Amino acid sequence: MENTGNRPRRFCRKCLLQDMDEGQYFDDMRRYIDNLDEDLKVSSQLYDERLAFCRECDNLISGMCRVCGCFVEMRAVMKKNSCPGIPKKW
């Protein structure tokens, strides 16, 4: 949402990935991660460690986890989340 003066201006977002420009979608996801409350996020070092495990996992396909269907970058950034694999990698 963008603020224009006293009124917030809303932007209509497409809901389906197939309707979005791939670059725009990933930019939006990175911006979302960057703007999360710091209290909800793991440290950047732990985030990188989690993603390193994901990169080596056979269940990683195009940024998504085949176990749970999440985008691993979104799952890995949150303190409350853990790897959905059995056994868990992080």
C-alpha atoms as a PDB file:
ATOM      1  CA  MET A   1       0.000   0.000   0.000  1.00  0.00           C
ATOM      2  CA  GLU A   2       1.363   3.416  -0.899  1.00  0.00           C
ATOM      3  CA  ASN A   3       0.451   6.528   1.056  1.00  0.00           C
ATOM      4  CA  THR A   4      -0.516   9.501  -1.105  1.00  0.00           C
ATOM      5  CA  GLY A   5      -1.092  12.462   1.172  1.00  0.00           C
ATOM      6  CA  ASN A   6      -3.733  11.613   3.732  1.00  0.00           C
ATOM      7  CA  ARG A   7      -5.226   8.685   1.840  1.00  0.00           C
ATOM      8  CA  PRO A   8      -3.566   5.296   1.467  1.00  0.00           C
ATOM      9  CA  ARG A   9      -3.596   4.160  -2.150  1.00  0.00           C
ATOM     10  CA  ARG A  10      -4.144   0.456  -2.720  1.00  0.00           C
ATOM     11  CA  PHE A  11      -2.651  -1.529  -5.538  1.00  0.00           C
ATOM     12  CA  CYS A  12      -4.420  -4.535  -6.938  1.00  0.00           C
ATOM     13  CA  ARG A  13      -2.074  -7.542  -6.912  1.00  0.00           C
ATOM     14  CA  LYS A  14      -2.621 -10.578  -9.058  1.00  0.00           C
ATOM     15  CA  CYS A  15      -3.162 -13.657  -6.974  1.00  0.00           C
ATOM     16  CA  LEU A  16      -1.753 -16.406  -9.165  1.00  0.00           C
ATOM     17  CA  LEU A  17       1.913 -16.868  -9.953  1.00  0.00           C
ATOM     18  CA  GLN A  18       1.055 -17.733 -13.546  1.00  0.00           C
ATOM     19  CA  ASP A  19      -0.396 -14.240 -13.960  1.00  0.00           C
ATOM     20  CA  MET A  20       2.642 -12.421 -12.605  1.00  0.00           C
ATOM     21  CA  ASP A  21       5.952 -11.453 -14.107  1.00  0.00           C
ATOM     22  CA  GLU A  22       8.504 -13.797 -12.502  1.00  0.00           C
ATOM     23  CA  GLY A  23      10.941 -11.008 -11.677  1.00  0.00           C
ATOM     24  CA  GLN A  24       8.229  -8.929 -10.041  1.00  0.00           C
ATOM     25  CA  TYR A  25       7.074 -11.848  -7.930  1.00  0.00           C
ATOM     26  CA  PHE A  26      10.537 -12.587  -6.572  1.00  0.00           C
ATOM     27  CA  ASP A  27      11.204  -8.891  -5.969  1.00  0.00           C
ATOM     28  CA  ASP A  28       7.942  -8.736  -3.991  1.00  0.00           C
ATOM     29  CA  MET A  29       8.950 -11.783  -1.945  1.00  0.00           C
ATOM     30  CA  ARG A  30      12.390 -10.356  -1.136  1.00  0.00           C
ATOM     31  CA  ARG A  31      10.820  -7.006  -0.197  1.00  0.00           C
ATOM     32  CA  TYR A  32       8.335  -8.835   2.059  1.00  0.00           C
ATOM     33  CA  ILE A  33      11.170 -10.699   3.806  1.00  0.00           C
ATOM     34  CA  ASP A  34      13.202  -7.489   4.207  1.00  0.00           C
ATOM     35  CA  ASN A  35      10.236  -5.697   5.779  1.00  0.00           C
ATOM     36  CA  LEU A  36       9.291  -8.373   8.304  1.00  0.00           C
ATOM     37  CA  ASP A  37       9.561  -7.326  11.937  1.00  0.00           C
ATOM     38  CA  GLU A  38      13.108  -8.119  13.089  1.00  0.00           C
ATOM     39  CA  ASP A  39      11.705  -9.844  16.191  1.00  0.00           C
ATOM     40  CA  LEU A  40      10.108 -12.473  13.924  1.00  0.00           C
ATOM     41  CA  LYS A  41      13.203 -13.188  11.849  1.00  0.00           C
ATOM     42  CA  VAL A  42      16.255 -15.307  12.528  1.00  0.00           C
ATOM     43  CA  SER A  43      19.682 -13.711  12.261  1.00  0.00           C
ATOM     44  CA  SER A  44      21.127 -13.362   8.782  1.00  0.00           C
ATOM     45  CA  GLN A  45      23.783 -15.971   9.683  1.00  0.00           C
ATOM     46  CA  LEU A  46      21.156 -18.521  10.758  1.00  0.00           C
ATOM     47  CA  TYR A  47      19.064 -17.700   7.683  1.00  0.00           C
ATOM     48  CA  ASP A  48      22.048 -18.429   5.443  1.00  0.00           C
ATOM     49  CA  GLU A  49      22.739 -21.675   7.325  1.00  0.00           C
ATOM     50  CA  ARG A  50      19.139 -22.812   6.899  1.00  0.00           C
ATOM     51  CA  LEU A  51      19.193 -22.016   3.189  1.00  0.00           C
ATOM     52  CA  ALA A  52      22.474 -23.929   2.815  1.00  0.00           C
ATOM     53  CA  PHE A  53      20.705 -27.043   4.145  1.00  0.00           C
ATOM     54  CA  CYS A  54      17.820 -26.432   1.746  1.00  0.00           C
ATOM     55  CA  ARG A  55      20.181 -26.075  -1.221  1.00  0.00           C
ATOM     56  CA  GLU A  56      21.543 -29.559  -0.501  1.00  0.00           C
ATOM     57  CA  CYS A  57      18.117 -31.142   0.003  1.00  0.00           C
ATOM     58  CA  ASP A  58      16.629 -33.440  -2.646  1.00  0.00           C
ATOM     59  CA  ASN A  59      13.208 -31.962  -1.865  1.00  0.00           C
ATOM     60  CA  LEU A  60      14.127 -28.466  -3.114  1.00  0.00           C
ATOM     61  CA  ILE A  61      12.595 -27.763  -6.526  1.00  0.00           C
ATOM     62  CA  SER A  62      12.657 -24.233  -7.985  1.00  0.00           C
ATOM     63  CA  GLY A  63      12.779 -22.593  -4.563  1.00  0.00           C
ATOM     64  CA  MET A  64       9.940 -24.714  -3.191  1.00  0.00           C
ATOM     65  CA  CYS A  65       9.956 -27.529  -0.674  1.00  0.00           C
ATOM     66  CA  ARG A  66       8.313 -30.675  -2.015  1.00  0.00           C
ATOM     67  CA  VAL A  67       7.523 -31.816   1.538  1.00  0.00           C
ATOM     68  CA  CYS A  68       5.283 -28.890   2.485  1.00  0.00           C
ATOM     69  CA  GLY A  69       4.975 -26.749  -0.659  1.00  0.00           C
ATOM     70  CA  CYS A  70       6.432 -23.603   0.895  1.00  0.00           C
ATOM     71  CA  PHE A  71       8.967 -21.256  -0.612  1.00  0.00           C
ATOM     72  CA  VAL A  72      12.000 -22.151   1.481  1.00  0.00           C
ATOM     73  CA  GLU A  73      13.229 -18.556   1.706  1.00  0.00           C
ATOM     74  CA  MET A  74       9.951 -17.584   3.384  1.00  0.00           C
ATOM     75  CA  ARG A  75      10.018 -20.583   5.759  1.00  0.00           C
ATOM     76  CA  ALA A  76      13.695 -20.216   6.659  1.00  0.00           C
ATOM     77  CA  VAL A  77      13.519 -16.556   7.668  1.00  0.00           C
ATOM     78  CA  MET A  78      10.938 -17.033  10.434  1.00  0.00           C
ATOM     79  CA  LYS A  79      12.063 -17.949  13.970  1.00  0.00           C
ATOM     80  CA  LYS A  80       8.952 -20.036  14.596  1.00  0.00           C
ATOM     81  CA  ASN A  81       9.505 -22.279  11.564  1.00  0.00           C
ATOM     82  CA  SER A  82      11.537 -25.413  11.163  1.00  0.00           C
ATOM     83  CA  CYS A  83      12.379 -27.775   8.338  1.00  0.00           C
ATOM     84  CA  PRO A  84       9.330 -29.918   7.484  1.00  0.00           C
ATOM     85  CA  GLY A  85      11.488 -32.872   6.463  1.00  0.00           C
ATOM     86  CA  ILE A  86      11.859 -36.115   8.354  1.00  0.00           C
ATOM     87  CA  PRO A  87      14.374 -35.905   9.841  1.00  0.00           C
ATOM     88  CA  LYS A  88      14.434 -32.142  10.158  1.00  0.00           C
ATOM     89  CA  LYS A  89      17.560 -30.520   8.737  1.00  0.00           C
ATOM     90  CA  TRP A  90      17.145 -27.332  10.779  1.00  0.00           C
END
